[in-house]
Amino acid sequence: QVQLVESGGGLVQAGGSLILSCAASGRTFSTYAMWWIRQAPGKERAWVASITQNGAGKTYSVPVKGRFTISRDNAKNTVYLQMNTLKPEDTALYFCAASQSATTIPTYWGQGTQVTVSS
């Protein structure tokens, strides 16, 4: 089992940047694929990005590709989401999640961190 705690959210102007972090507990972090998923007000949760266990494989949703970068540090049990050129439509509650592979539905979820982008 793994517990996930997100941080780094906040209020930023359009065009700005933020770095989200997700710290995981336990010794098995490196065995999990990691995800960032967001939920905007009144909308369904939407996948943002995912990364394989060794960090070699990274995939992004169309709305964020080229602006966001997912990375991980297995020595620190942490996954990151670098968000650049933020837009008001990026406003959402951002969750990190863990799964057994990058193609399976995440099993473990954090509580989320709020990102608000003002125009």
Protein backbone atom coordinates (compact mmCIF):
# COMPACT_ATOMS: atom_id res chain seq x y z
CA GLN A 1 0.00 0.00 0.00
CA VAL A 2 1.15 3.55 -0.66
CA GLN A 3 -0.04 6.89 0.70
CA LEU A 4 0.22 9.98 -1.46
CA VAL A 5 0.38 13.64 -0.43
CA GLU A 6 0.31 16.41 -3.02
CA SER A 7 1.69 19.92 -2.56
CA GLY A 8 2.62 22.98 -4.57
CA GLY A 9 -0.75 24.18 -5.72
CA GLY A 10 -1.79 27.82 -5.51
CA LEU A 11 -2.98 30.88 -7.35
CA VAL A 12 -1.03 31.97 -10.42
CA GLN A 13 -1.63 34.36 -13.28
CA ALA A 14 -2.13 33.07 -16.79
CA GLY A 15 1.21 32.43 -18.44
CA GLY A 16 2.84 31.58 -15.15
CA SER A 17 4.32 28.35 -13.84
CA LEU A 18 3.89 26.00 -10.91
CA ILE A 19 5.56 22.79 -9.79
CA LEU A 20 3.39 20.20 -8.08
CA SER A 21 4.94 17.51 -5.92
CA CYS A 22 3.53 14.24 -4.70
CA ALA A 23 5.31 12.50 -1.85
CA ALA A 24 4.68 8.80 -1.40
CA SER A 25 5.09 6.72 1.71
CA GLY A 26 6.42 3.19 1.75
CA ARG A 27 9.34 1.38 0.22
CA THR A 28 7.63 0.28 -2.97
CA PHE A 29 7.23 3.63 -4.72
CA SER A 30 9.51 2.57 -7.56
CA THR A 31 7.20 -0.33 -8.40
CA TYR A 32 4.27 1.95 -9.23
CA ALA A 33 3.45 3.89 -12.35
CA MET A 34 2.39 7.38 -11.34
CA TRP A 35 -0.32 9.64 -12.67
CA TRP A 36 -1.48 13.23 -12.43
CA ILE A 37 -5.21 13.65 -12.84
CA ARG A 38 -7.26 16.81 -12.46
CA GLN A 39 -10.85 17.75 -11.81
CA ALA A 40 -12.17 21.14 -12.81
CA PRO A 41 -15.26 22.57 -11.12
CA GLY A 42 -18.37 20.85 -12.42
CA LYS A 43 -16.42 18.46 -14.63
CA GLU A 44 -15.29 14.86 -14.54
CA ARG A 45 -11.79 13.89 -13.54
CA ALA A 46 -9.40 14.03 -16.48
CA TRP A 47 -6.04 12.37 -16.95
CA VAL A 48 -3.16 14.84 -17.29
CA ALA A 49 0.04 12.81 -17.46
CA SER A 50 1.57 9.50 -16.45
CA ILE A 51 5.04 8.08 -16.00
CA THR A 52 6.36 4.54 -15.88
CA GLN A 53 8.10 2.99 -12.90
CA ASN A 54 11.63 3.82 -14.09
CA GLY A 55 10.66 7.21 -15.49
CA ALA A 56 11.54 6.32 -19.06
CA GLY A 57 7.99 6.41 -20.36
CA LYS A 58 5.95 9.61 -20.14
CA THR A 59 2.61 10.38 -21.72
CA TYR A 60 0.49 13.52 -21.71
CA SER A 61 -3.04 14.52 -22.51
CA VAL A 62 -3.50 16.76 -25.53
CA PRO A 63 -4.46 19.90 -23.56
CA VAL A 64 -1.17 19.91 -21.60
CA LYS A 65 1.32 18.38 -24.02
CA GLY A 66 4.21 20.73 -24.60
CA ARG A 67 3.42 22.78 -21.49
CA PHE A 68 3.56 20.25 -18.63
CA THR A 69 6.36 17.85 -17.71
CA ILE A 70 6.01 14.85 -15.43
CA SER A 71 9.06 13.45 -13.66
CA ARG A 72 9.91 11.30 -10.68
CA ASP A 73 12.71 10.76 -8.21
CA ASN A 74 12.51 7.23 -6.89
CA ALA A 75 15.20 7.93 -4.28
CA LYS A 76 12.94 10.62 -2.82
CA ASN A 77 9.66 8.74 -3.37
CA THR A 78 8.34 11.78 -5.19
CA VAL A 79 6.66 12.54 -8.48
CA TYR A 80 6.49 16.04 -9.93
CA LEU A 81 4.44 17.98 -12.42
CA GLN A 82 6.10 21.04 -13.88
CA MET A 83 3.38 23.26 -15.33
CA ASN A 84 4.34 26.10 -17.65
CA THR A 85 2.35 28.61 -19.66
CA LEU A 86 -0.65 28.04 -17.45
CA LYS A 87 -4.11 28.90 -18.75
CA PRO A 88 -7.34 29.63 -16.89
CA GLU A 89 -8.68 26.31 -18.17
CA ASP A 90 -5.94 24.55 -16.19
CA THR A 91 -7.76 25.56 -13.00
CA ALA A 92 -8.60 22.34 -11.18
CA LEU A 93 -7.94 20.14 -8.21
CA TYR A 94 -4.88 18.10 -9.11
CA PHE A 95 -4.48 14.56 -7.83
CA CYS A 96 -1.58 12.22 -8.01
CA ALA A 97 -2.29 8.52 -8.21
CA ALA A 98 -0.43 5.23 -8.35
CA SER A 99 -1.06 2.06 -10.31
CA GLN A 100 0.64 -1.25 -10.96
CA SER A 101 1.36 -0.21 -14.51
CA ALA A 102 0.88 2.75 -16.81
CA THR A 103 -2.01 0.95 -18.51
CA THR A 104 -4.05 0.03 -15.45
CA ILE A 105 -6.45 2.21 -13.50
CA PRO A 106 -4.80 3.87 -10.50
CA THR A 107 -5.38 2.16 -7.21
CA TYR A 108 -4.08 4.76 -4.78
CA TRP A 109 -4.96 8.44 -4.76
CA GLY A 110 -3.87 11.53 -2.89
CA GLN A 111 -6.23 14.17 -1.55
CA GLY A 112 -5.41 16.71 -4.23
CA THR A 113 -3.92 20.18 -4.42
CA GLN A 114 -5.78 23.16 -5.86
CA VAL A 115 -4.41 25.08 -8.82
CA THR A 116 -6.14 28.30 -9.77
CA VAL A 117 -5.08 30.27 -12.83
CA SER A 118 -6.38 33.81 -13.12
CA SER A 119 -6.82 35.57 -16.44
